[in-house]
Amino acid sequence: MTRDELLDILVKERMQGILEESLRNSDLYQIAMNEHDKACEELEATGLNGEQKEVVDYALSTANHCMAIYGSAGYRLGLDDGMDSTKKK
């Protein structure tokens, strides 16, 4: 198994399982989610028409997708750095 394959497995396991549980137990994350929910409710109350809602939804979806990739890449880089540091000892 290559290093990249191992990193892919580790990232998937950690981000899909343990991360989700950790976020459920994180007060800071729950506060942020409540704030996000409130912002979505306020956006919904603005009375946007269907086309406007689709544009806003698309913009939010692409931002979420970018941040998911960013987070995964950052986590993978951290794991890779950790593997390098243990090899140098």
PDB file of N, CA and C in Angstrom:
ATOM      1  N   MET A   1       0.855  -1.185   0.000  1.00  0.00           N
ATOM      2  CA  MET A   1       0.000   0.000   0.000  1.00  0.00           C
ATOM      3  C   MET A   1       0.892   1.236   0.000  1.00  0.00           C
ATOM      4  N   THR A   2       0.535   2.200  -0.838  1.00  0.00           N
ATOM      5  CA  THR A   2       1.334   3.424  -0.906  1.00  0.00           C
ATOM      6  C   THR A   2       0.962   4.362   0.231  1.00  0.00           C
ATOM      7  N   ARG A   3       1.822   5.326   0.459  1.00  0.00           N
ATOM      8  CA  ARG A   3       1.573   6.340   1.488  1.00  0.00           C
ATOM      9  C   ARG A   3       0.289   7.107   1.180  1.00  0.00           C
ATOM     10  N   ASP A   4       0.089   7.467  -0.093  1.00  0.00           N
ATOM     11  CA  ASP A   4      -1.122   8.196  -0.478  1.00  0.00           C
ATOM     12  C   ASP A   4      -2.386   7.371  -0.232  1.00  0.00           C
ATOM     13  N   GLU A   5      -2.324   6.089  -0.529  1.00  0.00           N
ATOM     14  CA  GLU A   5      -3.479   5.220  -0.280  1.00  0.00           C
ATOM     15  C   GLU A   5      -3.775   5.131   1.216  1.00  0.00           C
ATOM     16  N   LEU A   6      -2.730   5.009   2.015  1.00  0.00           N
ATOM     17  CA  LEU A   6      -2.904   4.965   3.465  1.00  0.00           C
ATOM     18  C   LEU A   6      -3.507   6.268   3.976  1.00  0.00           C
ATOM     19  N   LEU A   7      -3.009   7.392   3.492  1.00  0.00           N
ATOM     20  CA  LEU A   7      -3.562   8.684   3.909  1.00  0.00           C
ATOM     21  C   LEU A   7      -5.029   8.812   3.515  1.00  0.00           C
ATOM     22  N   ASP A   8      -5.379   8.347   2.316  1.00  0.00           N
ATOM     23  CA  ASP A   8      -6.785   8.394   1.880  1.00  0.00           C
ATOM     24  C   ASP A   8      -7.677   7.609   2.840  1.00  0.00           C
ATOM     25  N   ILE A   9      -7.234   6.433   3.244  1.00  0.00           N
ATOM     26  CA  ILE A   9      -8.009   5.598   4.161  1.00  0.00           C
ATOM     27  C   ILE A   9      -8.142   6.270   5.518  1.00  0.00           C
ATOM     28  N   LEU A  10      -7.039   6.789   6.035  1.00  0.00           N
ATOM     29  CA  LEU A  10      -7.072   7.441   7.348  1.00  0.00           C
ATOM     30  C   LEU A  10      -7.974   8.663   7.352  1.00  0.00           C
ATOM     31  N   VAL A  11      -7.873   9.482   6.327  1.00  0.00           N
ATOM     32  CA  VAL A  11      -8.704  10.688   6.246  1.00  0.00           C
ATOM     33  C   VAL A  11     -10.182  10.294   6.196  1.00  0.00           C
ATOM     34  N   LYS A  12     -10.513   9.331   5.361  1.00  0.00           N
ATOM     35  CA  LYS A  12     -11.907   8.903   5.239  1.00  0.00           C
ATOM     36  C   LYS A  12     -12.437   8.386   6.574  1.00  0.00           C
ATOM     37  N   GLU A  13     -11.684   7.519   7.222  1.00  0.00           N
ATOM     38  CA  GLU A  13     -12.123   6.944   8.497  1.00  0.00           C
ATOM     39  C   GLU A  13     -12.300   8.011   9.574  1.00  0.00           C
ATOM     40  N   ARG A  14     -11.344   8.894   9.694  1.00  0.00           N
ATOM     41  CA  ARG A  14     -11.383   9.907  10.747  1.00  0.00           C
ATOM     42  C   ARG A  14     -12.453  10.960  10.482  1.00  0.00           C
ATOM     43  N   MET A  15     -12.583  11.407   9.245  1.00  0.00           N
ATOM     44  CA  MET A  15     -13.504  12.499   8.955  1.00  0.00           C
ATOM     45  C   MET A  15     -14.948  12.032   8.870  1.00  0.00           C
ATOM     46  N   GLN A  16     -15.177  10.802   8.480  1.00  0.00           N
ATOM     47  CA  GLN A  16     -16.556  10.331   8.364  1.00  0.00           C
ATOM     48  C   GLN A  16     -17.087   9.742   9.660  1.00  0.00           C
ATOM     49  N   GLY A  17     -16.241   9.298  10.517  1.00  0.00           N
ATOM     50  CA  GLY A  17     -16.717   8.664  11.738  1.00  0.00           C
ATOM     51  C   GLY A  17     -16.436   9.473  12.969  1.00  0.00           C
ATOM     52  N   ILE A  18     -15.202   9.516  13.349  1.00  0.00           N
ATOM     53  CA  ILE A  18     -14.803  10.138  14.606  1.00  0.00           C
ATOM     54  C   ILE A  18     -15.060  11.642  14.593  1.00  0.00           C
ATOM     55  N   LEU A  19     -14.826  12.293  13.464  1.00  0.00           N
ATOM     56  CA  LEU A  19     -15.055  13.740  13.388  1.00  0.00           C
ATOM     57  C   LEU A  19     -16.521  14.066  13.626  1.00  0.00           C
ATOM     58  N   GLU A  20     -17.408  13.311  13.002  1.00  0.00           N
ATOM     59  CA  GLU A  20     -18.841  13.565  13.181  1.00  0.00           C
ATOM     60  C   GLU A  20     -19.254  13.462  14.649  1.00  0.00           C
ATOM     61  N   GLU A  21     -18.762  12.446  15.323  1.00  0.00           N
ATOM     62  CA  GLU A  21     -19.071  12.276  16.741  1.00  0.00           C
ATOM     63  C   GLU A  21     -18.492  13.420  17.559  1.00  0.00           C
ATOM     64  N   SER A  22     -17.282  13.805  17.244  1.00  0.00           N
ATOM     65  CA  SER A  22     -16.625  14.902  17.955  1.00  0.00           C
ATOM     66  C   SER A  22     -17.402  16.203  17.793  1.00  0.00           C
ATOM     67  N   LEU A  23     -17.884  16.459  16.583  1.00  0.00           N
ATOM     68  CA  LEU A  23     -18.645  17.687  16.338  1.00  0.00           C
ATOM     69  C   LEU A  23     -19.983  17.675  17.074  1.00  0.00           C
ATOM     70  N   ARG A  24     -20.607  16.518  17.153  1.00  0.00           N
ATOM     71  CA  ARG A  24     -21.868  16.420  17.908  1.00  0.00           C
ATOM     72  C   ARG A  24     -21.657  16.790  19.372  1.00  0.00           C
ATOM     73  N   ASN A  25     -20.475  16.532  19.895  1.00  0.00           N
ATOM     74  CA  ASN A  25     -20.171  16.808  21.301  1.00  0.00           C
ATOM     75  C   ASN A  25     -19.462  18.139  21.523  1.00  0.00           C
ATOM     76  N   SER A  26     -19.278  18.905  20.475  1.00  0.00           N
ATOM     77  CA  SER A  26     -18.561  20.176  20.576  1.00  0.00           C
ATOM     78  C   SER A  26     -19.527  21.335  20.795  1.00  0.00           C
ATOM     79  N   ASP A  27     -19.402  21.994  21.942  1.00  0.00           N
ATOM     80  CA  ASP A  27     -20.239  23.160  22.210  1.00  0.00           C
ATOM     81  C   ASP A  27     -19.995  24.257  21.183  1.00  0.00           C
ATOM     82  N   LEU A  28     -18.741  24.478  20.833  1.00  0.00           N
ATOM     83  CA  LEU A  28     -18.402  25.522  19.864  1.00  0.00           C
ATOM     84  C   LEU A  28     -19.049  25.247  18.512  1.00  0.00           C
ATOM     85  N   TYR A  29     -19.000  23.995  18.063  1.00  0.00           N
ATOM     86  CA  TYR A  29     -19.614  23.638  16.786  1.00  0.00           C
ATOM     87  C   TYR A  29     -21.135  23.782  16.861  1.00  0.00           C
ATOM     88  N   GLN A  30     -21.722  23.362  17.972  1.00  0.00           N
ATOM     89  CA  GLN A  30     -23.178  23.467  18.115  1.00  0.00           C
ATOM     90  C   GLN A  30     -23.633  24.927  18.113  1.00  0.00           C
ATOM     91  N   ILE A  31     -22.860  25.802  18.724  1.00  0.00           N
ATOM     92  CA  ILE A  31     -23.171  27.239  18.695  1.00  0.00           C
ATOM     93  C   ILE A  31     -23.100  27.749  17.266  1.00  0.00           C
ATOM     94  N   ALA A  32     -22.057  27.357  16.539  1.00  0.00           N
ATOM     95  CA  ALA A  32     -21.908  27.782  15.140  1.00  0.00           C
ATOM     96  C   ALA A  32     -23.062  27.263  14.285  1.00  0.00           C
ATOM     97  N   MET A  33     -23.488  26.024  14.518  1.00  0.00           N
ATOM     98  CA  MET A  33     -24.610  25.466  13.755  1.00  0.00           C
ATOM     99  C   MET A  33     -25.913  26.195  14.069  1.00  0.00           C
ATOM    100  N   ASN A  34     -26.108  26.534  15.333  1.00  0.00           N
ATOM    101  CA  ASN A  34     -27.307  27.300  15.700  1.00  0.00           C
ATOM    102  C   ASN A  34     -27.301  28.661  15.019  1.00  0.00           C
ATOM    103  N   GLU A  35     -26.149  29.285  14.951  1.00  0.00           N
ATOM    104  CA  GLU A  35     -26.025  30.579  14.270  1.00  0.00           C
ATOM    105  C   GLU A  35     -26.322  30.415  12.777  1.00  0.00           C
ATOM    106  N   HIS A  36     -25.817  29.342  12.200  1.00  0.00           N
ATOM    107  CA  HIS A  36     -26.077  29.066  10.784  1.00  0.00           C
ATOM    108  C   HIS A  36     -27.575  28.842  10.541  1.00  0.00           C
ATOM    109  N   ASP A  37     -28.210  28.067  11.413  1.00  0.00           N
ATOM    110  CA  ASP A  37     -29.648  27.818  11.284  1.00  0.00           C
ATOM    111  C   ASP A  37     -30.429  29.128  11.349  1.00  0.00           C
ATOM    112  N   LYS A  38     -30.043  29.992  12.267  1.00  0.00           N
ATOM    113  CA  LYS A  38     -30.718  31.289  12.395  1.00  0.00           C
ATOM    114  C   LYS A  38     -30.526  32.124  11.133  1.00  0.00           C
ATOM    115  N   ALA A  39     -29.309  32.125  10.591  1.00  0.00           N
ATOM    116  CA  ALA A  39     -29.049  32.878   9.359  1.00  0.00           C
ATOM    117  C   ALA A  39     -29.887  32.332   8.202  1.00  0.00           C
ATOM    118  N   CYS A  40     -30.029  31.019   8.129  1.00  0.00           N
ATOM    119  CA  CYS A  40     -30.852  30.415   7.069  1.00  0.00           C
ATOM    120  C   CYS A  40     -32.322  30.802   7.233  1.00  0.00           C
ATOM    121  N   GLU A  41     -32.802  30.824   8.470  1.00  0.00           N
ATOM    122  CA  GLU A  41     -34.181  31.249   8.728  1.00  0.00           C
ATOM    123  C   GLU A  41     -34.387  32.702   8.308  1.00  0.00           C
ATOM    124  N   GLU A  42     -33.423  33.557   8.615  1.00  0.00           N
ATOM    125  CA  GLU A  42     -33.512  34.963   8.221  1.00  0.00           C
ATOM    126  C   GLU A  42     -33.500  35.101   6.708  1.00  0.00           C
ATOM    127  N   LEU A  43     -32.673  34.317   6.046  1.00  0.00           N
ATOM    128  CA  LEU A  43     -32.628  34.346   4.582  1.00  0.00           C
ATOM    129  C   LEU A  43     -33.961  33.910   4.005  1.00  0.00           C
ATOM    130  N   GLU A  44     -34.532  32.859   4.570  1.00  0.00           N
ATOM    131  CA  GLU A  44     -35.821  32.360   4.093  1.00  0.00           C
ATOM    132  C   GLU A  44     -36.914  33.418   4.258  1.00  0.00           C
ATOM    133  N   ALA A  45     -36.829  34.206   5.332  1.00  0.00           N
ATOM    134  CA  ALA A  45     -37.843  35.230   5.627  1.00  0.00           C
ATOM    135  C   ALA A  45     -37.747  36.440   4.704  1.00  0.00           C
ATOM    136  N   THR A  46     -36.696  36.535   3.902  1.00  0.00           N
ATOM    137  CA  THR A  46     -36.549  37.703   3.026  1.00  0.00           C
ATOM    138  C   THR A  46     -37.525  37.697   1.866  1.00  0.00           C
ATOM    139  N   GLY A  47     -38.112  36.548   1.583  1.00  0.00           N
ATOM    140  CA  GLY A  47     -39.099  36.476   0.514  1.00  0.00           C
ATOM    141  C   GLY A  47     -38.492  36.381  -0.880  1.00  0.00           C
ATOM    142  N   LEU A  48     -37.350  35.752  -0.973  1.00  0.00           N
ATOM    143  CA  LEU A  48     -36.737  35.572  -2.291  1.00  0.00           C
ATOM    144  C   LEU A  48     -37.642  34.722  -3.175  1.00  0.00           C
ATOM    145  N   ASN A  49     -37.628  35.031  -4.474  1.00  0.00           N
ATOM    146  CA  ASN A  49     -38.409  34.192  -5.380  1.00  0.00           C
ATOM    147  C   ASN A  49     -37.633  32.908  -5.670  1.00  0.00           C
ATOM    148  N   GLY A  50     -38.237  31.994  -6.396  1.00  0.00           N
ATOM    149  CA  GLY A  50     -37.634  30.694  -6.653  1.00  0.00           C
ATOM    150  C   GLY A  50     -36.268  30.774  -7.306  1.00  0.00           C
ATOM    151  N   GLU A  51     -36.128  31.617  -8.304  1.00  0.00           N
ATOM    152  CA  GLU A  51     -34.836  31.744  -9.005  1.00  0.00           C
ATOM    153  C   GLU A  51     -33.766  32.299  -8.071  1.00  0.00           C
ATOM    154  N   GLN A  52     -34.133  33.294  -7.268  1.00  0.00           N
ATOM    155  CA  GLN A  52     -33.179  33.870  -6.321  1.00  0.00           C
ATOM    156  C   GLN A  52     -32.757  32.839  -5.283  1.00  0.00           C
ATOM    157  N   LYS A  53     -33.704  32.035  -4.800  1.00  0.00           N
ATOM    158  CA  LYS A  53     -33.383  30.990  -3.838  1.00  0.00           C
ATOM    159  C   LYS A  53     -32.412  29.979  -4.437  1.00  0.00           C
ATOM    160  N   GLU A  54     -32.607  29.635  -5.696  1.00  0.00           N
ATOM    161  CA  GLU A  54     -31.705  28.685  -6.359  1.00  0.00           C
ATOM    162  C   GLU A  54     -30.291  29.238  -6.455  1.00  0.00           C
ATOM    163  N   VAL A  55     -30.162  30.531  -6.754  1.00  0.00           N
ATOM    164  CA  VAL A  55     -28.846  31.152  -6.862  1.00  0.00           C
ATOM    165  C   VAL A  55     -28.162  31.170  -5.498  1.00  0.00           C
ATOM    166  N   VAL A  56     -28.890  31.545  -4.463  1.00  0.00           N
ATOM    167  CA  VAL A  56     -28.331  31.570  -3.107  1.00  0.00           C
ATOM    168  C   VAL A  56     -27.948  30.152  -2.684  1.00  0.00           C
ATOM    169  N   ASP A  57     -28.824  29.185  -2.950  1.00  0.00           N
ATOM    170  CA  ASP A  57     -28.536  27.795  -2.585  1.00  0.00           C
ATOM    171  C   ASP A  57     -27.293  27.298  -3.315  1.00  0.00           C
ATOM    172  N   TYR A  58     -27.176  27.629  -4.583  1.00  0.00           N
ATOM    173  CA  TYR A  58     -26.001  27.217  -5.357  1.00  0.00           C
ATOM    174  C   TYR A  58     -24.731  27.839  -4.773  1.00  0.00           C
ATOM    175  N   ALA A  59     -24.779  29.131  -4.439  1.00  0.00           N
ATOM    176  CA  ALA A  59     -23.609  29.806  -3.866  1.00  0.00           C
ATOM    177  C   ALA A  59     -23.217  29.176  -2.530  1.00  0.00           C
ATOM    178  N   LEU A  60     -24.191  28.893  -1.679  1.00  0.00           N
ATOM    179  CA  LEU A  60     -23.902  28.270  -0.386  1.00  0.00           C
ATOM    180  C   LEU A  60     -23.383  26.841  -0.562  1.00  0.00           C
ATOM    181  N   SER A  61     -23.961  26.114  -1.493  1.00  0.00           N
ATOM    182  CA  SER A  61     -23.526  24.739  -1.739  1.00  0.00           C
ATOM    183  C   SER A  61     -22.087  24.684  -2.232  1.00  0.00           C
ATOM    184  N   THR A  62     -21.731  25.598  -3.135  1.00  0.00           N
ATOM    185  CA  THR A  62     -20.356  25.595  -3.643  1.00  0.00           C
ATOM    186  C   THR A  62     -19.380  26.027  -2.554  1.00  0.00           C
ATOM    187  N   ALA A  63     -19.792  26.959  -1.700  1.00  0.00           N
ATOM    188  CA  ALA A  63     -18.930  27.367  -0.577  1.00  0.00           C
ATOM    189  C   ALA A  63     -18.728  26.190   0.381  1.00  0.00           C
ATOM    190  N   ASN A  64     -19.800  25.466   0.685  1.00  0.00           N
ATOM    191  CA  ASN A  64     -19.697  24.297   1.563  1.00  0.00           C
ATOM    192  C   ASN A  64     -18.784  23.236   0.957  1.00  0.00           C
ATOM    193  N   HIS A  65     -18.930  23.020  -0.330  1.00  0.00           N
ATOM    194  CA  HIS A  65     -18.101  22.025  -1.010  1.00  0.00           C
ATOM    195  C   HIS A  65     -16.621  22.420  -0.940  1.00  0.00           C
ATOM    196  N   CYS A  66     -16.333  23.684  -1.192  1.00  0.00           N
ATOM    197  CA  CYS A  66     -14.948  24.173  -1.116  1.00  0.00           C
ATOM    198  C   CYS A  66     -14.384  23.988   0.287  1.00  0.00           C
ATOM    199  N   MET A  67     -15.168  24.307   1.302  1.00  0.00           N
ATOM    200  CA  MET A  67     -14.685  24.181   2.675  1.00  0.00           C
ATOM    201  C   MET A  67     -14.500  22.715   3.070  1.00  0.00           C
ATOM    202  N   ALA A  68     -15.336  21.828   2.535  1.00  0.00           N
ATOM    203  CA  ALA A  68     -15.162  20.397   2.809  1.00  0.00           C
ATOM    204  C   ALA A  68     -13.844  19.910   2.211  1.00  0.00           C
ATOM    205  N   ILE A  69     -13.545  20.330   0.999  1.00  0.00           N
ATOM    206  CA  ILE A  69     -12.284  19.952   0.364  1.00  0.00           C
ATOM    207  C   ILE A  69     -11.114  20.553   1.120  1.00  0.00           C
ATOM    208  N   TYR A  70     -11.241  21.809   1.517  1.00  0.00           N
ATOM    209  CA  TYR A  70     -10.204  22.502   2.274  1.00  0.00           C
ATOM    210  C   TYR A  70      -9.920  21.762   3.586  1.00  0.00           C
ATOM    211  N   GLY A  71     -10.988  21.415   4.313  1.00  0.00           N
ATOM    212  CA  GLY A  71     -10.823  20.720   5.585  1.00  0.00           C
ATOM    213  C   GLY A  71     -10.177  19.361   5.416  1.00  0.00           C
ATOM    214  N   SER A  72     -10.606  18.638   4.403  1.00  0.00           N
ATOM    215  CA  SER A  72     -10.031  17.322   4.147  1.00  0.00           C
ATOM    216  C   SER A  72      -8.556  17.428   3.766  1.00  0.00           C
ATOM    217  N   ALA A  73      -8.238  18.403   2.936  1.00  0.00           N
ATOM    218  CA  ALA A  73      -6.841  18.592   2.522  1.00  0.00           C
ATOM    219  C   ALA A  73      -5.976  18.988   3.720  1.00  0.00           C
ATOM    220  N   GLY A  74      -6.497  19.844   4.580  1.00  0.00           N
ATOM    221  CA  GLY A  74      -5.756  20.258   5.767  1.00  0.00           C
ATOM    222  C   GLY A  74      -5.522  19.098   6.711  1.00  0.00           C
ATOM    223  N   TYR A  75      -6.542  18.266   6.890  1.00  0.00           N
ATOM    224  CA  TYR A  75      -6.414  17.108   7.765  1.00  0.00           C
ATOM    225  C   TYR A  75      -5.395  16.137   7.192  1.00  0.00           C
ATOM    226  N   ARG A  76      -5.480  15.919   5.885  1.00  0.00           N
ATOM    227  CA  ARG A  76      -4.540  15.011   5.216  1.00  0.00           C
ATOM    228  C   ARG A  76      -3.107  15.524   5.344  1.00  0.00           C
ATOM    229  N   LEU A  77      -2.922  16.827   5.158  1.00  0.00           N
ATOM    230  CA  LEU A  77      -1.591  17.420   5.290  1.00  0.00           C
ATOM    231  C   LEU A  77      -1.067  17.248   6.711  1.00  0.00           C
ATOM    232  N   GLY A  78      -1.935  17.430   7.703  1.00  0.00           N
ATOM    233  CA  GLY A  78      -1.532  17.234   9.089  1.00  0.00           C
ATOM    234  C   GLY A  78      -1.108  15.797   9.362  1.00  0.00           C
ATOM    235  N   LEU A  79      -1.872  14.840   8.826  1.00  0.00           N
ATOM    236  CA  LEU A  79      -1.488  13.437   8.975  1.00  0.00           C
ATOM    237  C   LEU A  79      -0.155  13.162   8.300  1.00  0.00           C
ATOM    238  N   ASP A  80       0.020  13.701   7.119  1.00  0.00           N
ATOM    239  CA  ASP A  80       1.265  13.514   6.372  1.00  0.00           C
ATOM    240  C   ASP A  80       2.443  14.107   7.152  1.00  0.00           C
ATOM    241  N   ASP A  81       2.246  15.294   7.708  1.00  0.00           N
ATOM    242  CA  ASP A  81       3.296  15.916   8.530  1.00  0.00           C
ATOM    243  C   ASP A  81       3.616  15.045   9.742  1.00  0.00           C
ATOM    244  N   GLY A  82       2.577  14.484  10.360  1.00  0.00           N
ATOM    245  CA  GLY A  82       2.783  13.616  11.517  1.00  0.00           C
ATOM    246  C   GLY A  82       3.566  12.362  11.150  1.00  0.00           C
ATOM    247  N   MET A  83       3.268  11.821   9.990  1.00  0.00           N
ATOM    248  CA  MET A  83       4.015  10.645   9.532  1.00  0.00           C
ATOM    249  C   MET A  83       5.480  11.005   9.294  1.00  0.00           C
ATOM    250  N   ASP A  84       5.709  12.190   8.742  1.00  0.00           N
ATOM    251  CA  ASP A  84       7.099  12.633   8.513  1.00  0.00           C
ATOM    252  C   ASP A  84       7.836  12.825   9.826  1.00  0.00           C
ATOM    253  N   SER A  85       7.168  13.391  10.814  1.00  0.00           N
ATOM    254  CA  SER A  85       7.843  13.678  12.088  1.00  0.00           C
ATOM    255  C   SER A  85       8.201  12.391  12.830  1.00  0.00           C
ATOM    256  N   THR A  86       7.390  11.366  12.704  1.00  0.00           N
ATOM    257  CA  THR A  86       7.719  10.112  13.385  1.00  0.00           C
ATOM    258  C   THR A  86       8.840   9.377  12.662  1.00  0.00           C
ATOM    259  N   LYS A  87       8.960   9.601  11.376  1.00  0.00           N
ATOM    260  CA  LYS A  87      10.015   8.951  10.601  1.00  0.00           C
ATOM    261  C   LYS A  87      11.378   9.568  10.892  1.00  0.00           C
ATOM    262  N   LYS A  88      11.399  10.854  11.244  1.00  0.00           N
ATOM    263  CA  LYS A  88      12.660  11.569  11.474  1.00  0.00           C
ATOM    264  C   LYS A  88      13.249  11.287  12.845  1.00  0.00           C
ATOM    265  N   LYS A  89      12.481  10.726  13.750  1.00  0.00           N
ATOM    266  CA  LYS A  89      12.966  10.503  15.118  1.00  0.00           C
ATOM    267  C   LYS A  89      13.882   9.333  15.192  1.00  0.00           C
TER     268      LYS A  89
END
